Amino acid sequence: MQNETVTNIFWGLFFIWLGMISVLQGSVEGALDDQFFALGTGVMLLILNLVRSFLRLRIGVITLGLGVIVTFFYAPIVFFRIPPPSFLPLMLVILGIALIIGALKTRTYL
């Protein structure tokens, strides 16, 4: 099985997860504030990399890092209703920039 296939399967699972939580919460916005959505998403990202490892595929550093952050940091913040840290938006911007730079560096141009 190819890495792209595994990734696409987990994207499908993610959207199914988001849809199920949204139905239960009444809206996508309500689901995004839900502790079960945060915890489930983080665990799903960790399982994605576990499956990649089991299939001897390259582990995604970004998805592994996001899985750890969401599971062990964000989910408890949401679960215990602690206000998120003020540096969170900046951290998200830096993460987005890192993803773009990483994608451009690994892309082969014709």
Protein backbone atom coordinates (compact mmCIF):
# COMPACT_ATOMS: atom_id res chain seq x y z
CA MET A 1 0.00 0.00 0.00
CA GLN A 2 1.32 3.45 -0.87
CA ASN A 3 1.70 6.35 1.53
CA GLU A 4 -0.75 8.44 -0.52
CA THR A 5 -3.42 5.74 -0.22
CA VAL A 6 -3.02 5.57 3.57
CA THR A 7 -3.13 9.37 3.81
CA ASN A 8 -6.28 9.58 1.68
CA ILE A 9 -8.00 6.90 3.78
CA PHE A 10 -7.26 8.86 6.94
CA TRP A 11 -8.46 12.13 5.33
CA GLY A 12 -11.70 10.32 4.56
CA LEU A 13 -11.90 9.11 8.16
CA PHE A 14 -11.24 12.66 9.36
CA PHE A 15 -14.12 14.09 7.33
CA ILE A 16 -16.42 11.29 8.50
CA TRP A 17 -15.33 12.09 12.09
CA LEU A 18 -15.96 15.82 11.59
CA GLY A 19 -19.38 15.11 10.04
CA MET A 20 -20.42 12.77 12.85
CA ILE A 21 -19.38 15.21 15.57
CA SER A 22 -21.05 18.09 13.68
CA VAL A 23 -24.34 16.23 13.52
CA LEU A 24 -24.16 15.51 17.23
CA GLN A 25 -23.26 19.12 18.08
CA GLY A 26 -25.67 20.73 15.61
CA SER A 27 -23.02 22.56 13.56
CA VAL A 28 -19.41 22.40 12.41
CA GLU A 29 -18.58 25.40 14.64
CA GLY A 30 -19.96 23.58 17.68
CA ALA A 31 -17.99 20.47 16.80
CA LEU A 32 -14.72 22.35 16.57
CA ASP A 33 -15.15 23.46 20.18
CA ASP A 34 -15.87 19.91 21.31
CA GLN A 35 -13.28 18.06 23.38
CA PHE A 36 -14.13 14.76 21.69
CA PHE A 37 -13.37 16.26 18.28
CA ALA A 38 -9.99 17.51 19.49
CA LEU A 39 -9.06 14.26 21.17
CA GLY A 40 -10.34 12.11 18.29
CA THR A 41 -8.45 14.15 15.70
CA GLY A 42 -5.20 13.96 17.66
CA VAL A 43 -5.54 10.22 18.19
CA MET A 44 -6.39 9.76 14.51
CA LEU A 45 -3.19 11.56 13.49
CA LEU A 46 -1.16 9.36 15.83
CA ILE A 47 -2.83 6.21 14.47
CA LEU A 48 -2.09 7.38 10.91
CA ASN A 49 1.62 7.36 11.71
CA LEU A 50 1.35 4.05 13.55
CA VAL A 51 -0.20 2.51 10.41
CA ARG A 52 2.53 4.08 8.27
CA SER A 53 5.16 2.59 10.57
CA PHE A 54 3.46 -0.82 10.52
CA LEU A 55 3.38 -0.76 6.69
CA ARG A 56 7.02 0.41 6.60
CA LEU A 57 6.09 3.72 5.01
CA ARG A 58 7.68 7.06 5.75
CA ILE A 59 6.25 8.60 8.92
CA GLY A 60 4.97 12.16 8.49
CA VAL A 61 6.80 14.42 10.91
CA ILE A 62 4.13 17.12 10.62
CA THR A 63 1.19 14.78 11.23
CA LEU A 64 3.04 13.11 14.08
CA GLY A 65 3.80 16.49 15.65
CA LEU A 66 0.23 17.71 15.14
CA GLY A 67 -1.10 14.49 16.63
CA VAL A 68 1.00 14.95 19.75
CA ILE A 69 0.10 18.65 20.06
CA VAL A 70 -3.63 18.09 19.58
CA THR A 71 -3.86 14.96 21.75
CA PHE A 72 -1.70 16.01 24.67
CA PHE A 73 -1.98 19.82 24.67
CA TYR A 74 -5.06 21.09 22.83
CA ALA A 75 -7.55 18.37 23.85
CA PRO A 76 -6.92 18.87 27.60
CA ILE A 77 -7.26 22.66 27.15
CA VAL A 78 -10.66 22.16 25.51
CA PHE A 79 -11.70 19.37 27.88
CA PHE A 80 -10.97 21.38 31.03
CA ARG A 81 -12.16 24.64 29.41
CA ILE A 82 -8.84 26.39 30.01
CA PRO A 83 -8.37 29.52 27.89
CA PRO A 84 -5.91 28.76 25.07
CA PRO A 85 -2.49 30.39 25.32
CA SER A 86 -2.15 33.78 23.64
CA PHE A 87 0.72 32.54 21.45
CA LEU A 88 -1.48 29.88 19.76
CA PRO A 89 -2.37 32.01 16.67
CA LEU A 90 1.31 32.84 16.12
CA MET A 91 2.22 29.18 16.48
CA LEU A 92 -0.39 28.27 13.84
CA VAL A 93 0.99 30.88 11.42
CA ILE A 94 4.53 29.58 11.93
CA LEU A 95 3.33 26.01 11.39
CA GLY A 96 1.58 27.06 8.16
CA ILE A 97 4.71 28.80 6.87
CA ALA A 98 6.82 25.75 7.75
CA LEU A 99 4.41 23.50 5.82
CA ILE A 100 4.55 25.73 2.74
CA ILE A 101 8.36 25.97 2.81
CA GLY A 102 8.64 22.21 3.31
CA ALA A 103 6.28 21.54 0.41
CA LEU A 104 8.18 23.89 -1.90
CA LYS A 105 11.57 22.41 -0.93
CA THR A 106 10.50 18.82 -1.61
CA ARG A 107 8.58 19.58 -4.81
CA THR A 108 10.35 18.70 -8.07
CA TYR A 109 9.80 21.31 -10.73
CA LEU A 110 9.93 20.55 -14.47
